[in-house]
Amino acid sequence: MNSHIHLHWLTPEEGGRKTSIRGGRYTPTARFAGEQDQFSVVLEFSQDCPANPTAGTMRLLFPDLVDVQRRILPGAALEIMEGARVVARCVIESSEQMPAVAAAR
């Protein structure tokens, strides 16, 4: 499942990254805003160094996380993590559900 996302990078003063992402793909962990459980995601951008704010796509690194996939719906808020540190805030703009996930509902 690919989801279209809107991402806001935190500044270094807010605890975010000190350097920009290099390349169009970034594989951090994420969690639903305010929760503790993290999962790995793949973020893809059309540009080398994402601007702020950034549009892109997101998918789960491990797509068999059905419970997580069910919650990735338009309007869902995520925190993009590097270890225990939040580096960006993400909102799901649109989502393409996989047939297996839609059938499991």
Protein backbone atom coordinates (compact mmCIF):
# COMPACT_ATOMS: atom_id res chain seq x y z
CA MET A 1 0.00 0.00 0.00
CA ASN A 2 1.30 3.42 -0.94
CA SER A 3 0.02 6.45 0.88
CA HIS A 4 0.44 10.04 -0.22
CA ILE A 5 1.76 12.09 2.67
CA HIS A 6 2.41 15.64 3.78
CA LEU A 7 5.49 15.87 5.98
CA HIS A 8 6.78 18.69 8.19
CA TRP A 9 10.43 18.34 9.24
CA LEU A 10 11.26 19.55 12.76
CA THR A 11 14.10 22.06 13.02
CA PRO A 12 17.26 21.11 14.93
CA GLU A 13 16.03 23.41 17.74
CA GLU A 14 12.81 21.35 17.92
CA GLY A 15 14.84 18.12 18.11
CA GLY A 16 14.84 17.37 14.37
CA ARG A 17 17.67 16.46 12.00
CA LYS A 18 20.72 18.69 11.69
CA THR A 19 21.24 17.65 8.05
CA SER A 20 18.81 17.11 5.18
CA ILE A 21 17.95 13.71 3.74
CA ARG A 22 20.15 12.83 0.78
CA GLY A 23 18.46 10.98 -2.07
CA GLY A 24 14.81 10.35 -2.76
CA ARG A 25 14.30 7.45 -0.33
CA TYR A 26 14.40 7.44 3.48
CA THR A 27 13.69 4.41 5.70
CA PRO A 28 13.01 5.54 9.30
CA THR A 29 10.62 4.23 11.90
CA ALA A 30 7.25 5.86 12.59
CA ARG A 31 4.48 5.73 15.15
CA PHE A 32 0.96 7.02 15.31
CA ALA A 33 1.01 10.45 16.98
CA GLY A 34 1.02 10.17 20.76
CA GLU A 35 1.61 6.40 20.80
CA GLN A 36 4.75 4.42 21.63
CA ASP A 37 4.76 1.42 19.24
CA GLN A 38 7.04 2.02 16.25
CA PHE A 39 7.07 0.39 12.82
CA SER A 40 9.43 0.76 9.86
CA VAL A 41 8.37 2.81 6.85
CA VAL A 42 9.78 3.73 3.46
CA LEU A 43 9.34 7.38 2.50
CA GLU A 44 9.94 8.43 -1.10
CA PHE A 45 10.31 11.96 -2.41
CA SER A 46 10.56 13.31 -5.93
CA GLN A 47 13.46 15.57 -5.00
CA ASP A 48 16.89 14.93 -3.50
CA CYS A 49 16.68 17.13 -0.42
CA PRO A 50 13.09 17.47 0.74
CA ALA A 51 11.92 20.98 1.44
CA ASN A 52 9.75 21.89 4.38
CA PRO A 53 6.91 21.01 4.12
CA THR A 54 7.37 17.99 1.87
CA ALA A 55 4.98 15.86 -0.17
CA GLY A 56 5.82 12.24 -0.90
CA THR A 57 4.68 8.67 -0.55
CA MET A 58 4.94 6.22 2.32
CA ARG A 59 4.67 2.46 2.58
CA LEU A 60 5.36 -0.02 5.33
CA LEU A 61 8.73 -1.76 5.14
CA PHE A 62 6.97 -4.89 6.40
CA PRO A 63 3.54 -4.91 4.67
CA ASP A 64 2.32 -7.88 6.73
CA LEU A 65 1.59 -5.52 9.66
CA VAL A 66 -2.14 -5.68 8.93
CA ASP A 67 -3.20 -3.89 12.13
CA VAL A 68 -0.97 -0.94 11.25
CA GLN A 69 -2.09 -0.90 7.60
CA ARG A 70 -5.74 -0.71 8.65
CA ARG A 71 -5.01 2.51 10.55
CA ILE A 72 -3.18 4.25 7.71
CA LEU A 73 -6.16 6.25 6.49
CA PRO A 74 -6.55 9.82 5.23
CA GLY A 75 -6.12 12.23 8.12
CA ALA A 76 -4.04 9.86 10.27
CA ALA A 77 -1.16 11.64 12.02
CA LEU A 78 2.23 9.98 12.37
CA GLU A 79 5.53 10.92 13.95
CA ILE A 80 8.66 10.05 11.98
CA MET A 81 11.36 8.79 14.30
CA GLU A 82 15.12 8.33 14.44
CA GLY A 83 15.55 6.16 17.50
CA ALA A 84 13.57 7.76 20.33
CA ARG A 85 13.67 11.20 18.66
CA VAL A 86 10.81 12.66 16.58
CA VAL A 87 12.29 14.28 13.45
CA ALA A 88 9.11 14.99 11.45
CA ARG A 89 5.33 15.05 11.68
CA CYS A 90 3.36 13.36 8.92
CA VAL A 91 -0.29 13.40 7.82
CA ILE A 92 -1.73 10.80 5.47
CA GLU A 93 -3.38 12.61 2.54
CA SER A 94 -4.68 9.56 0.68
CA SER A 95 -4.18 5.82 0.90
CA GLU A 96 -4.44 2.88 -1.47
CA GLN A 97 -5.59 -0.12 0.57
CA MET A 98 -4.24 -3.52 -0.38
CA PRO A 99 -6.95 -6.06 -1.32
CA ALA A 100 -5.99 -8.37 1.56
CA VAL A 101 -6.35 -5.54 4.09
CA ALA A 102 -9.70 -4.41 2.68
CA ALA A 103 -10.99 -8.00 2.72
CA ALA A 104 -9.84 -8.51 6.34
CA ARG A 105 -12.06 -5.68 7.62
